């Protein structure tokens, strides 16, 4: 999706960060959820000093129709909350794992169905 610097019609900014790496990561997260996005200000960092620094941060934009879902995904990705659930014990070696893991790190056995 091509987007000119001054054309944000039909789009909303869903995320911004000082690091272009973080913005690209969030773009990948949204893409994995089927949401297209574009990055603005990717090369404007050279103007920092001439423009306020925060105005030079890269920004991630999505279509208006995807904004609410995208914002929820971004907020979830940025939250410090751990995955809910209970610890599980590997049936192969007895190693205990946190709920977000599906395979044993020690022996490779898959988590049993619950």
C-alpha atoms as a PDB file:
ATOM      1  CA  UNK A   1       0.000   0.000   0.000  1.00  0.00           C
ATOM      2  CA  UNK A   2       1.589   3.234  -1.121  1.00  0.00           C
ATOM      3  CA  UNK A   3       0.996   6.348   0.898  1.00  0.00           C
ATOM      4  CA  UNK A   4       2.345   9.833   0.313  1.00  0.00           C
ATOM      5  CA  UNK A   5       3.824  11.784   3.212  1.00  0.00           C
ATOM      6  CA  UNK A   6       0.945  14.247   3.334  1.00  0.00           C
ATOM      7  CA  UNK A   7      -1.846  11.783   2.580  1.00  0.00           C
ATOM      8  CA  UNK A   8      -3.301  10.155   5.681  1.00  0.00           C
ATOM      9  CA  UNK A   9      -6.882  10.256   4.447  1.00  0.00           C
ATOM     10  CA  UNK A  10      -8.713   7.116   5.511  1.00  0.00           C
ATOM     11  CA  UNK A  11      -5.903   6.071   7.867  1.00  0.00           C
ATOM     12  CA  UNK A  12      -5.003   6.439  11.528  1.00  0.00           C
ATOM     13  CA  UNK A  13      -1.717   6.270  13.384  1.00  0.00           C
ATOM     14  CA  UNK A  14      -1.735   3.187  15.594  1.00  0.00           C
ATOM     15  CA  UNK A  15       1.842   3.208  16.933  1.00  0.00           C
ATOM     16  CA  UNK A  16       4.987   5.316  17.078  1.00  0.00           C
ATOM     17  CA  UNK A  17       8.380   4.741  18.688  1.00  0.00           C
ATOM     18  CA  UNK A  18      11.850   6.210  18.605  1.00  0.00           C
ATOM     19  CA  UNK A  19      13.246   2.948  17.210  1.00  0.00           C
ATOM     20  CA  UNK A  20      12.487   1.987  13.608  1.00  0.00           C
ATOM     21  CA  UNK A  21      13.165  -1.623  14.642  1.00  0.00           C
ATOM     22  CA  UNK A  22      10.262  -1.540  17.117  1.00  0.00           C
ATOM     23  CA  UNK A  23       7.959   0.003  14.513  1.00  0.00           C
ATOM     24  CA  UNK A  24       8.901  -2.695  11.983  1.00  0.00           C
ATOM     25  CA  UNK A  25       8.329  -5.363  14.636  1.00  0.00           C
ATOM     26  CA  UNK A  26       4.857  -4.010  15.348  1.00  0.00           C
ATOM     27  CA  UNK A  27       4.193  -3.908  11.602  1.00  0.00           C
ATOM     28  CA  UNK A  28       5.054  -7.625  11.462  1.00  0.00           C
ATOM     29  CA  UNK A  29       2.778  -8.342  14.429  1.00  0.00           C
ATOM     30  CA  UNK A  30      -0.137  -6.639  12.652  1.00  0.00           C
ATOM     31  CA  UNK A  31       0.683  -8.416   9.383  1.00  0.00           C
ATOM     32  CA  UNK A  32       0.526 -11.756  11.206  1.00  0.00           C
ATOM     33  CA  UNK A  33      -3.020 -10.792  12.241  1.00  0.00           C
ATOM     34  CA  UNK A  34      -3.955  -9.928   8.653  1.00  0.00           C
ATOM     35  CA  UNK A  35      -3.798  -6.144   9.062  1.00  0.00           C
ATOM     36  CA  UNK A  36      -1.959  -4.120   6.422  1.00  0.00           C
ATOM     37  CA  UNK A  37      -0.011  -1.098   7.643  1.00  0.00           C
ATOM     38  CA  UNK A  38       2.452   1.483   6.372  1.00  0.00           C
ATOM     39  CA  UNK A  39       5.360   3.239   8.039  1.00  0.00           C
ATOM     40  CA  UNK A  40       5.640   7.003   7.845  1.00  0.00           C
ATOM     41  CA  UNK A  41       8.704   9.112   8.777  1.00  0.00           C
ATOM     42  CA  UNK A  42      11.029   6.181   8.132  1.00  0.00           C
ATOM     43  CA  UNK A  43      13.767   8.420   6.721  1.00  0.00           C
ATOM     44  CA  UNK A  44      12.950  11.743   8.355  1.00  0.00           C
ATOM     45  CA  UNK A  45      15.293  11.166  11.311  1.00  0.00           C
ATOM     46  CA  UNK A  46      17.864  13.280   9.441  1.00  0.00           C
ATOM     47  CA  UNK A  47      15.681  16.330  10.073  1.00  0.00           C
ATOM     48  CA  UNK A  48      15.859  15.918  13.870  1.00  0.00           C
ATOM     49  CA  UNK A  49      17.086  19.197  15.250  1.00  0.00           C
ATOM     50  CA  UNK A  50      15.451  21.172  12.476  1.00  0.00           C
ATOM     51  CA  UNK A  51      12.140  19.634  13.566  1.00  0.00           C
ATOM     52  CA  UNK A  52      11.128  18.526  17.057  1.00  0.00           C
ATOM     53  CA  UNK A  53      12.675  15.093  17.672  1.00  0.00           C
ATOM     54  CA  UNK A  54       9.364  13.386  18.496  1.00  0.00           C
ATOM     55  CA  UNK A  55       7.939  14.610  15.168  1.00  0.00           C
ATOM     56  CA  UNK A  56      10.691  12.635  13.450  1.00  0.00           C
ATOM     57  CA  UNK A  57       9.842   9.297  15.064  1.00  0.00           C
ATOM     58  CA  UNK A  58       8.656   6.592  12.671  1.00  0.00           C
ATOM     59  CA  UNK A  59       4.895   5.993  12.766  1.00  0.00           C
ATOM     60  CA  UNK A  60       2.753   2.983  11.919  1.00  0.00           C
ATOM     61  CA  UNK A  61      -0.544   3.726  10.152  1.00  0.00           C
ATOM     62  CA  UNK A  62      -3.523   1.466   9.379  1.00  0.00           C
ATOM     63  CA  UNK A  63      -6.795   1.895   7.523  1.00  0.00           C
ATOM     64  CA  UNK A  64      -9.576   3.510   9.562  1.00  0.00           C
ATOM     65  CA  UNK A  65     -11.564   0.286   9.312  1.00  0.00           C
ATOM     66  CA  UNK A  66      -8.715  -1.711  10.943  1.00  0.00           C
ATOM     67  CA  UNK A  67      -7.822   0.831  13.627  1.00  0.00           C
ATOM     68  CA  UNK A  68      -9.752  -0.542  16.626  1.00  0.00           C
ATOM     69  CA  UNK A  69      -8.567  -4.120  16.083  1.00  0.00           C
ATOM     70  CA  UNK A  70      -5.001  -2.972  15.337  1.00  0.00           C
ATOM     71  CA  UNK A  71      -4.897  -0.811  18.484  1.00  0.00           C
ATOM     72  CA  UNK A  72      -6.034  -3.764  20.589  1.00  0.00           C
ATOM     73  CA  UNK A  73      -3.337  -5.990  19.050  1.00  0.00           C
ATOM     74  CA  UNK A  74      -0.641  -3.335  19.606  1.00  0.00           C
ATOM     75  CA  UNK A  75      -1.741  -2.762  23.212  1.00  0.00           C
ATOM     76  CA  UNK A  76      -1.696  -6.511  23.889  1.00  0.00           C
ATOM     77  CA  UNK A  77       1.742  -6.897  22.301  1.00  0.00           C
ATOM     78  CA  UNK A  78       3.098  -4.071  24.467  1.00  0.00           C
ATOM     79  CA  UNK A  79       1.535  -5.220  27.726  1.00  0.00           C
ATOM     80  CA  UNK A  80       3.597  -6.747  30.502  1.00  0.00           C
ATOM     81  CA  UNK A  81       0.950  -9.306  31.315  1.00  0.00           C
ATOM     82  CA  UNK A  82       1.968 -12.925  31.206  1.00  0.00           C
ATOM     83  CA  UNK A  83      -0.051 -15.545  29.417  1.00  0.00           C
ATOM     84  CA  UNK A  84      -2.862 -16.767  31.657  1.00  0.00           C
ATOM     85  CA  UNK A  85      -2.978 -20.421  32.477  1.00  0.00           C
ATOM     86  CA  UNK A  86      -1.301 -22.969  34.663  1.00  0.00           C
ATOM     87  CA  UNK A  87       2.093 -24.565  34.642  1.00  0.00           C
ATOM     88  CA  UNK A  88       2.291 -27.935  32.875  1.00  0.00           C
ATOM     89  CA  UNK A  89       4.618 -30.872  33.406  1.00  0.00           C
ATOM     90  CA  UNK A  90       6.287 -32.591  30.455  1.00  0.00           C
ATOM     91  CA  UNK A  91       5.097 -36.207  30.117  1.00  0.00           C
ATOM     92  CA  UNK A  92       8.496 -37.191  28.713  1.00  0.00           C
ATOM     93  CA  UNK A  93      10.960 -35.843  31.270  1.00  0.00           C
ATOM     94  CA  UNK A  94       8.888 -34.225  34.020  1.00  0.00           C
ATOM     95  CA  UNK A  95      10.218 -30.689  33.394  1.00  0.00           C
ATOM     96  CA  UNK A  96       7.775 -27.953  34.463  1.00  0.00           C
ATOM     97  CA  UNK A  97       6.847 -25.231  31.918  1.00  0.00           C
ATOM     98  CA  UNK A  98       4.930 -21.972  31.832  1.00  0.00           C
ATOM     99  CA  UNK A  99       1.575 -22.072  30.027  1.00  0.00           C
ATOM    100  CA  UNK A 100       2.670 -20.151  26.894  1.00  0.00           C
ATOM    101  CA  UNK A 101       5.054 -22.941  25.887  1.00  0.00           C
ATOM    102  CA  UNK A 102       3.740 -25.795  23.750  1.00  0.00           C
ATOM    103  CA  UNK A 103       6.852 -27.980  23.704  1.00  0.00           C
ATOM    104  CA  UNK A 104       9.380 -29.036  26.304  1.00  0.00           C
ATOM    105  CA  UNK A 105      12.659 -27.147  26.015  1.00  0.00           C
ATOM    106  CA  UNK A 106      14.554 -30.082  27.520  1.00  0.00           C
ATOM    107  CA  UNK A 107      13.342 -33.105  25.538  1.00  0.00           C
ATOM    108  CA  UNK A 108      11.098 -31.645  22.815  1.00  0.00           C
ATOM    109  CA  UNK A 109       7.950 -33.495  23.896  1.00  0.00           C
ATOM    110  CA  UNK A 110       4.705 -31.672  23.090  1.00  0.00           C
ATOM    111  CA  UNK A 111       2.390 -30.466  25.848  1.00  0.00           C
ATOM    112  CA  UNK A 112      -0.411 -32.958  26.391  1.00  0.00           C
ATOM    113  CA  UNK A 113      -3.925 -31.919  25.335  1.00  0.00           C
ATOM    114  CA  UNK A 114      -5.968 -30.659  28.230  1.00  0.00           C
END
